[in-house]
Amino acid sequence: MIIDFEQIEETAIKNFYGGQNDTIARMFADEKNRIMYGKLEPGASIGIHRHETSSEIVYLIQGTGKAVFDDTQEELKPGVCHYCPKGHSHSLINDGSCNLVFFAVVPQQ
């Protein structure tokens, strides 16, 4: 099965999980997974949230920023994969000067 994100309408999610500004996303979901090609413009963030029933895998494609994972901060750059296991909290922050582009998968567990 091919998921062509270029064919999926872009959606702006304002203050996603209480974060700053918009999260720009192209999303696919079925009963097994939620898959997102996302973008955070400079200064934007996805607020801290806990994964009670699922995990999340976030692969960085472009830009720099940080993830807050539980009580630690992790540096994000292209080629890095941030993983938030089930039962943990995290957020994504674009504190860089260009767009932070990422690919995220949330498997339904």
C-alpha atoms as a PDB file:
ATOM      1  CA  MET A   1       0.000   0.000   0.000  1.00  0.00           C
ATOM      2  CA  ILE A   2       1.321   3.455  -0.944  1.00  0.00           C
ATOM      3  CA  ILE A   3       0.558   6.523   1.130  1.00  0.00           C
ATOM      4  CA  ASP A   4       1.292   9.577  -1.016  1.00  0.00           C
ATOM      5  CA  PHE A   5       1.435  12.547   1.353  1.00  0.00           C
ATOM      6  CA  GLU A   6       1.480  14.911  -1.638  1.00  0.00           C
ATOM      7  CA  GLN A   7      -2.088  13.754  -2.342  1.00  0.00           C
ATOM      8  CA  ILE A   8      -3.279  14.298   1.257  1.00  0.00           C
ATOM      9  CA  GLU A   9      -4.632  17.729   2.146  1.00  0.00           C
ATOM     10  CA  GLU A  10      -2.477  19.791   4.458  1.00  0.00           C
ATOM     11  CA  THR A  11      -4.123  20.698   7.778  1.00  0.00           C
ATOM     12  CA  ALA A  12      -3.062  23.394  10.246  1.00  0.00           C
ATOM     13  CA  ILE A  13      -3.584  22.257  13.845  1.00  0.00           C
ATOM     14  CA  LYS A  14      -3.586  25.317  16.094  1.00  0.00           C
ATOM     15  CA  ASN A  15      -1.803  24.921  19.442  1.00  0.00           C
ATOM     16  CA  PHE A  16      -1.541  21.111  19.110  1.00  0.00           C
ATOM     17  CA  TYR A  17      -1.663  19.639  22.639  1.00  0.00           C
ATOM     18  CA  GLY A  18      -1.300  23.177  24.012  1.00  0.00           C
ATOM     19  CA  GLY A  19       1.824  23.950  21.968  1.00  0.00           C
ATOM     20  CA  GLN A  20       2.714  27.232  20.298  1.00  0.00           C
ATOM     21  CA  ASN A  21       1.457  28.279  16.849  1.00  0.00           C
ATOM     22  CA  ASP A  22       0.421  25.769  14.170  1.00  0.00           C
ATOM     23  CA  THR A  23       1.468  22.209  13.455  1.00  0.00           C
ATOM     24  CA  ILE A  24       1.139  21.709   9.693  1.00  0.00           C
ATOM     25  CA  ALA A  25       0.240  18.080   8.982  1.00  0.00           C
ATOM     26  CA  ARG A  26      -0.697  15.632   6.268  1.00  0.00           C
ATOM     27  CA  MET A  27      -2.208  12.631   8.069  1.00  0.00           C
ATOM     28  CA  PHE A  28      -3.285   9.086   7.339  1.00  0.00           C
ATOM     29  CA  ALA A  29      -5.127   6.934   9.902  1.00  0.00           C
ATOM     30  CA  ASP A  30      -6.705   3.518  10.008  1.00  0.00           C
ATOM     31  CA  GLU A  31      -7.581   1.116  12.832  1.00  0.00           C
ATOM     32  CA  LYS A  32      -3.920   0.108  13.288  1.00  0.00           C
ATOM     33  CA  ASN A  33      -1.830   3.297  12.860  1.00  0.00           C
ATOM     34  CA  ARG A  34      -1.801   7.062  12.667  1.00  0.00           C
ATOM     35  CA  ILE A  35       0.882   8.328  10.293  1.00  0.00           C
ATOM     36  CA  MET A  36       1.822  11.985   9.873  1.00  0.00           C
ATOM     37  CA  TYR A  37       4.123  14.034   7.680  1.00  0.00           C
ATOM     38  CA  GLY A  38       4.417  17.194   9.760  1.00  0.00           C
ATOM     39  CA  LYS A  39       6.037  20.597   9.880  1.00  0.00           C
ATOM     40  CA  LEU A  40       6.693  23.065  12.690  1.00  0.00           C
ATOM     41  CA  GLU A  41       7.663  26.568  11.615  1.00  0.00           C
ATOM     42  CA  PRO A  42      10.289  28.426  13.695  1.00  0.00           C
ATOM     43  CA  GLY A  43       8.902  29.085  17.172  1.00  0.00           C
ATOM     44  CA  ALA A  44       6.162  26.454  16.862  1.00  0.00           C
ATOM     45  CA  SER A  45       5.789  23.459  19.156  1.00  0.00           C
ATOM     46  CA  ILE A  46       3.642  20.455  19.959  1.00  0.00           C
ATOM     47  CA  GLY A  47       2.769  20.638  23.649  1.00  0.00           C
ATOM     48  CA  ILE A  48       3.714  18.052  26.237  1.00  0.00           C
ATOM     49  CA  HIS A  49       1.390  15.058  26.165  1.00  0.00           C
ATOM     50  CA  ARG A  50       1.411  11.544  27.601  1.00  0.00           C
ATOM     51  CA  HIS A  51       1.064   8.403  25.507  1.00  0.00           C
ATOM     52  CA  GLU A  52      -1.241   6.298  27.690  1.00  0.00           C
ATOM     53  CA  THR A  53      -2.382   3.776  25.074  1.00  0.00           C
ATOM     54  CA  SER A  54       0.247   4.016  22.331  1.00  0.00           C
ATOM     55  CA  SER A  55       3.855   4.856  21.578  1.00  0.00           C
ATOM     56  CA  GLU A  56       5.148   7.346  18.989  1.00  0.00           C
ATOM     57  CA  ILE A  57       8.105   7.251  16.630  1.00  0.00           C
ATOM     58  CA  VAL A  58       9.255  10.590  15.146  1.00  0.00           C
ATOM     59  CA  TYR A  59      11.928  10.714  12.421  1.00  0.00           C
ATOM     60  CA  LEU A  60      13.467  14.127  11.688  1.00  0.00           C
ATOM     61  CA  ILE A  61      13.812  15.044   8.018  1.00  0.00           C
ATOM     62  CA  GLN A  62      14.779  18.739   8.093  1.00  0.00           C
ATOM     63  CA  GLY A  63      15.602  21.485  10.589  1.00  0.00           C
ATOM     64  CA  THR A  64      16.686  21.449  14.205  1.00  0.00           C
ATOM     65  CA  GLY A  65      14.871  21.614  17.507  1.00  0.00           C
ATOM     66  CA  LYS A  66      14.360  19.645  20.656  1.00  0.00           C
ATOM     67  CA  ALA A  67      12.138  17.042  22.187  1.00  0.00           C
ATOM     68  CA  VAL A  68      11.205  17.113  25.837  1.00  0.00           C
ATOM     69  CA  PHE A  69      10.998  13.457  26.881  1.00  0.00           C
ATOM     70  CA  ASP A  70       9.676  12.973  30.407  1.00  0.00           C
ATOM     71  CA  ASP A  71      12.077  15.272  32.320  1.00  0.00           C
ATOM     72  CA  THR A  72      14.929  15.437  29.789  1.00  0.00           C
ATOM     73  CA  GLN A  73      15.639  17.490  26.677  1.00  0.00           C
ATOM     74  CA  GLU A  74      16.918  15.846  23.516  1.00  0.00           C
ATOM     75  CA  GLU A  75      18.463  17.641  20.540  1.00  0.00           C
ATOM     76  CA  LEU A  76      16.748  16.989  17.213  1.00  0.00           C
ATOM     77  CA  LYS A  77      18.439  17.129  13.799  1.00  0.00           C
ATOM     78  CA  PRO A  78      17.932  15.419  10.430  1.00  0.00           C
ATOM     79  CA  GLY A  79      18.432  11.667  10.595  1.00  0.00           C
ATOM     80  CA  VAL A  80      17.589  11.409  14.310  1.00  0.00           C
ATOM     81  CA  CYS A  81      14.676   9.279  15.465  1.00  0.00           C
ATOM     82  CA  HIS A  82      12.877  10.308  18.670  1.00  0.00           C
ATOM     83  CA  TYR A  83      10.929   7.506  20.355  1.00  0.00           C
ATOM     84  CA  CYS A  84       8.274   7.999  23.031  1.00  0.00           C
ATOM     85  CA  PRO A  85       7.268   4.623  24.504  1.00  0.00           C
ATOM     86  CA  LYS A  86       3.786   3.929  25.819  1.00  0.00           C
ATOM     87  CA  GLY A  87       3.350   5.433  29.302  1.00  0.00           C
ATOM     88  CA  HIS A  88       5.751   8.343  28.739  1.00  0.00           C
ATOM     89  CA  SER A  89       5.368  12.053  27.909  1.00  0.00           C
ATOM     90  CA  HIS A  90       6.974  14.184  25.238  1.00  0.00           C
ATOM     91  CA  SER A  91       6.772  17.362  23.157  1.00  0.00           C
ATOM     92  CA  LEU A  92       8.482  18.716  20.036  1.00  0.00           C
ATOM     93  CA  ILE A  93       9.847  22.260  19.819  1.00  0.00           C
ATOM     94  CA  ASN A  94      11.252  24.106  16.814  1.00  0.00           C
ATOM     95  CA  ASP A  95      13.775  26.478  18.358  1.00  0.00           C
ATOM     96  CA  GLY A  96      15.722  26.713  15.090  1.00  0.00           C
ATOM     97  CA  SER A  97      15.576  29.235  12.249  1.00  0.00           C
ATOM     98  CA  CYS A  98      13.974  27.026   9.554  1.00  0.00           C
ATOM     99  CA  ASN A  99      11.081  24.587   9.375  1.00  0.00           C
ATOM    100  CA  LEU A 100      11.292  21.388  11.431  1.00  0.00           C
ATOM    101  CA  VAL A 101       9.974  18.630   9.144  1.00  0.00           C
ATOM    102  CA  PHE A 102       9.254  15.170  10.516  1.00  0.00           C
ATOM    103  CA  PHE A 103       7.552  11.841   9.867  1.00  0.00           C
ATOM    104  CA  ALA A 104       5.633  10.326  12.808  1.00  0.00           C
ATOM    105  CA  VAL A 105       3.952   6.981  13.390  1.00  0.00           C
ATOM    106  CA  VAL A 106       1.605   6.223  16.300  1.00  0.00           C
ATOM    107  CA  PRO A 107       0.807   2.493  16.287  1.00  0.00           C
ATOM    108  CA  GLN A 108      -2.483   1.617  17.984  1.00  0.00           C
ATOM    109  CA  GLN A 109      -1.549  -0.849  20.737  1.00  0.00           C
END
